[in-house]
Amino acid sequence: MRRQVLANAFDIQLNSWARPVKCIAQVVRVILAKNWWSLLIRGTAAIVLGAVAVVWRDISLGSLVLVFFGFALLDGVVALAGAVRAAEAHERWAPLLVEAIIGVAAAFLALTWPGIMTIHVLIYIIGAWALLTGVLEIASGVLLRRHIRGEWLLALSGFTSLLLCVLMASLPLASPGGIALCLGVYAFAFGALLIALSFRLRSWARLALAES
């Protein structure tokens, strides 16, 4: 009889601990899902600019700089909007802000160096941008898995960015067309992953609201 009482007391205490944890997880899901639109915009823009980079066969260095400028700038601005939304919700906004700063800085760095811009300098800028954003995306993906079990799309997009960095490092003598092809293929893969993640977050938002 005494063991049964102790067991019941333990179950009650365990449930009292589990309820707040479950509520916190639901809140985190909702906050993450509020930014699903930003991922959708980033993914769509990546695919569109990726198509431009792949289809443009005889692209010049100046045109390639403009393509990368448009992609990095739009990606950074949308990330900045997500950081503002996260700050308004009193949630972690620093990773999004850092990613936004990296994207905007890389875009303007490529555009404002016309006098010294060569294919090698552009490769270094794209490679550094891909490395930094890839590390941030992988770190954010690891944090996301703590709240949403089985989530791997964000981390996979980070590994895709790191793969682009490796490609840039292995193509020191590539032509603008070759760089554009690599950037286009990356943009397709990156965009598809972000679009898939945006719809998954949107579904989780609806599920969390239904459970609350």
Protein backbone atom coordinates (compact mmCIF):
# COMPACT_ATOMS: atom_id res chain seq x y z
CA MET A 1 0.00 0.00 0.00
CA ARG A 2 2.80 2.38 0.91
CA ARG A 3 4.65 1.59 -2.33
CA GLN A 4 1.52 2.35 -4.32
CA VAL A 5 1.15 5.71 -2.60
CA LEU A 6 4.79 6.58 -3.30
CA ALA A 7 4.39 5.51 -6.92
CA ASN A 8 1.33 7.70 -7.36
CA ALA A 9 3.12 10.65 -5.76
CA PHE A 10 6.07 10.16 -8.11
CA ASP A 11 3.78 10.05 -11.14
CA ILE A 12 2.07 13.26 -10.04
CA GLN A 13 5.41 15.03 -9.57
CA LEU A 14 6.68 13.73 -12.93
CA ASN A 15 3.59 15.00 -14.70
CA SER A 16 3.96 18.40 -13.02
CA TRP A 17 7.48 18.64 -14.46
CA ALA A 18 6.48 17.33 -17.89
CA ARG A 19 3.64 19.79 -18.44
CA PRO A 20 5.82 22.95 -18.41
CA VAL A 21 8.42 21.26 -20.60
CA LYS A 22 5.73 20.33 -23.10
CA CYS A 23 4.35 23.86 -23.04
CA ILE A 24 7.80 25.33 -23.64
CA ALA A 25 8.34 23.01 -26.59
CA GLN A 26 5.01 24.03 -28.07
CA VAL A 27 5.83 27.73 -27.65
CA VAL A 28 9.21 27.24 -29.33
CA ARG A 29 7.55 25.47 -32.24
CA VAL A 30 5.10 28.31 -32.69
CA ILE A 31 7.84 30.97 -32.57
CA LEU A 32 9.96 29.08 -35.08
CA ALA A 33 7.00 28.55 -37.33
CA LYS A 34 6.15 32.27 -37.34
CA ASN A 35 9.20 32.73 -39.54
CA TRP A 36 8.20 30.06 -42.08
CA TRP A 37 7.42 32.81 -44.60
CA SER A 38 10.99 34.13 -44.47
CA LEU A 39 12.34 30.67 -45.29
CA LEU A 40 9.84 30.41 -48.15
CA ILE A 41 10.97 33.77 -49.58
CA ARG A 42 14.65 32.87 -49.24
CA GLY A 43 14.11 29.49 -50.87
CA THR A 44 12.09 30.88 -53.76
CA ALA A 45 14.60 33.66 -54.40
CA ALA A 46 17.45 31.14 -54.34
CA ILE A 47 15.79 28.95 -56.97
CA VAL A 48 14.99 31.92 -59.22
CA LEU A 49 18.52 33.32 -59.06
CA GLY A 50 19.91 29.81 -59.43
CA ALA A 51 17.97 29.41 -62.66
CA VAL A 52 19.36 32.72 -63.92
CA ALA A 53 22.90 31.64 -63.10
CA VAL A 54 22.54 28.26 -64.83
CA VAL A 55 20.72 29.46 -67.95
CA TRP A 56 23.02 32.45 -68.53
CA ARG A 57 25.64 30.59 -70.57
CA ASP A 58 28.11 33.32 -71.51
CA ILE A 59 27.86 35.28 -68.28
CA SER A 60 30.51 37.91 -67.73
CA LEU A 61 32.32 38.59 -64.48
CA GLY A 62 30.36 41.80 -63.94
CA SER A 63 27.03 40.03 -64.47
CA LEU A 64 28.09 37.20 -62.16
CA VAL A 65 28.88 39.76 -59.47
CA LEU A 66 25.39 41.21 -59.88
CA VAL A 67 23.78 37.76 -59.61
CA PHE A 68 25.67 36.99 -56.41
CA PHE A 69 24.93 40.48 -55.10
CA GLY A 70 21.19 39.96 -55.62
CA PHE A 71 21.20 36.53 -54.01
CA ALA A 72 23.30 37.45 -50.96
CA LEU A 73 21.53 40.77 -50.42
CA LEU A 74 18.01 39.33 -50.58
CA ASP A 75 19.01 36.41 -48.36
CA GLY A 76 20.53 38.81 -45.82
CA VAL A 77 17.57 41.20 -45.82
CA VAL A 78 15.05 38.39 -45.27
CA ALA A 79 17.23 36.96 -42.48
CA LEU A 80 17.27 40.43 -40.92
CA ALA A 81 13.47 40.52 -41.03
CA GLY A 82 13.41 37.15 -39.26
CA ALA A 83 15.81 38.47 -36.61
CA VAL A 84 13.53 41.46 -35.99
CA ARG A 85 10.52 39.17 -35.59
CA ALA A 86 12.46 36.96 -33.18
CA ALA A 87 13.57 39.99 -31.14
CA GLU A 88 9.99 41.22 -30.93
CA ALA A 89 9.02 37.79 -29.56
CA HIS A 90 11.88 38.02 -26.99
CA GLU A 91 13.55 34.96 -28.50
CA ARG A 92 17.08 34.28 -29.71
CA TRP A 93 17.73 36.59 -32.65
CA ALA A 94 21.53 36.76 -32.69
CA PRO A 95 22.13 33.87 -35.19
CA LEU A 96 19.70 35.35 -37.69
CA LEU A 97 21.23 38.80 -37.25
CA VAL A 98 24.75 37.48 -37.78
CA GLU A 99 23.65 35.61 -40.89
CA ALA A 100 21.95 38.78 -42.17
CA ILE A 101 25.08 40.87 -41.58
CA ILE A 102 27.24 38.29 -43.38
CA GLY A 103 24.90 38.21 -46.38
CA VAL A 104 24.59 41.98 -46.73
CA ALA A 105 28.32 42.50 -46.15
CA ALA A 106 29.26 39.90 -48.77
CA ALA A 107 26.83 41.43 -51.27
CA PHE A 108 28.14 44.99 -50.92
CA LEU A 109 31.73 43.80 -50.72
CA ALA A 110 31.34 42.15 -54.12
CA LEU A 111 29.63 45.20 -55.62
CA THR A 112 31.80 47.99 -54.22
CA TRP A 113 35.16 46.58 -55.32
CA PRO A 114 34.89 47.08 -59.10
CA GLY A 115 38.49 48.21 -59.45
CA ILE A 116 40.08 45.13 -57.88
CA MET A 117 37.33 42.59 -58.53
CA THR A 118 38.69 39.54 -60.32
CA ILE A 119 37.36 36.03 -60.61
CA HIS A 120 39.71 34.98 -57.82
CA VAL A 121 38.49 37.71 -55.46
CA LEU A 122 34.87 36.78 -56.19
CA ILE A 123 35.64 33.13 -55.49
CA TYR A 124 37.12 34.07 -52.11
CA ILE A 125 34.09 36.22 -51.24
CA ILE A 126 31.60 33.49 -52.22
CA GLY A 127 33.64 30.83 -50.40
CA ALA A 128 33.89 32.84 -47.19
CA TRP A 129 30.18 33.69 -47.31
CA ALA A 130 29.26 30.04 -47.86
CA LEU A 131 31.54 28.89 -45.03
CA LEU A 132 30.17 31.32 -42.45
CA THR A 133 26.50 30.85 -43.38
CA GLY A 134 26.95 27.08 -43.50
CA VAL A 135 28.36 26.97 -39.97
CA LEU A 136 25.50 29.14 -38.68
CA GLU A 137 22.87 27.02 -40.41
CA ILE A 138 24.30 23.80 -39.01
CA ALA A 139 24.40 25.29 -35.50
CA SER A 140 20.81 26.51 -35.86
CA GLY A 141 19.79 23.11 -37.16
CA VAL A 142 21.27 21.40 -34.10
CA LEU A 143 19.31 23.78 -31.83
CA LEU A 144 16.16 23.18 -33.86
CA ARG A 145 16.44 19.42 -33.35
CA ARG A 146 16.25 19.95 -29.59
CA HIS A 147 12.71 21.27 -29.99
CA ILE A 148 11.51 19.40 -33.10
CA ARG A 149 12.46 15.75 -33.19
CA GLY A 150 13.85 14.43 -36.46
CA GLU A 151 14.37 17.86 -38.02
CA TRP A 152 17.36 17.79 -40.36
CA LEU A 153 16.55 20.11 -43.28
CA LEU A 154 18.17 23.24 -41.81
CA ALA A 155 21.38 21.40 -40.92
CA LEU A 156 21.43 19.84 -44.39
CA SER A 157 21.17 23.29 -45.96
CA GLY A 158 24.22 24.23 -43.89
CA PHE A 159 26.18 21.28 -45.25
CA THR A 160 25.11 22.36 -48.74
CA SER A 161 26.65 25.78 -48.07
CA LEU A 162 29.85 24.15 -46.86
CA LEU A 163 29.93 22.07 -50.05
CA LEU A 164 29.76 25.30 -52.07
CA CYS A 165 32.72 26.58 -50.06
CA VAL A 166 34.69 23.44 -50.92
CA LEU A 167 33.79 23.84 -54.60
CA MET A 168 34.97 27.45 -54.59
CA ALA A 169 38.27 26.41 -53.01
CA SER A 170 38.76 23.64 -55.59
CA LEU A 171 38.06 25.88 -58.62
CA PRO A 172 40.73 28.59 -58.45
CA LEU A 173 41.02 28.82 -62.25
CA ALA A 174 37.36 28.47 -63.14
CA SER A 175 35.67 30.75 -65.64
CA PRO A 176 32.69 32.96 -64.72
CA GLY A 177 30.45 30.40 -66.42
CA GLY A 178 31.82 27.59 -64.24
CA ILE A 179 31.37 29.63 -61.08
CA ALA A 180 27.84 30.55 -62.16
CA LEU A 181 27.01 26.88 -62.72
CA CYS A 182 28.24 25.91 -59.24
CA LEU A 183 26.38 28.83 -57.68
CA GLY A 184 23.22 27.94 -59.60
CA VAL A 185 23.25 24.27 -58.59
CA TYR A 186 23.85 25.27 -54.99
CA ALA A 187 21.01 27.79 -55.12
CA PHE A 188 18.61 25.13 -56.44
CA ALA A 189 19.50 22.68 -53.65
CA PHE A 190 19.57 25.36 -50.95
CA GLY A 191 16.27 26.85 -52.07
CA ALA A 192 14.51 23.49 -52.23
CA LEU A 193 15.61 22.63 -48.68
CA LEU A 194 14.44 25.99 -47.29
CA ILE A 195 11.06 25.73 -49.03
CA ALA A 196 10.56 22.21 -47.67
CA LEU A 197 11.52 23.41 -44.17
CA SER A 198 9.14 26.38 -44.40
CA PHE A 199 6.17 24.14 -45.11
CA ARG A 200 7.15 21.75 -42.32
CA LEU A 201 7.35 24.63 -39.85
CA ARG A 202 3.97 25.88 -41.03
CA SER A 203 2.48 22.43 -40.39
CA TRP A 204 4.05 22.29 -36.93
CA ALA A 205 2.58 25.71 -36.12
CA ARG A 206 -0.89 24.49 -36.89
CA LEU A 207 -0.31 21.31 -34.87
CA ALA A 208 1.04 23.26 -31.88
CA LEU A 209 -1.92 25.64 -31.93
CA ALA A 210 -4.31 22.70 -32.10
CA GLU A 211 -2.63 21.04 -29.11
CA SER A 212 -2.56 24.21 -26.99
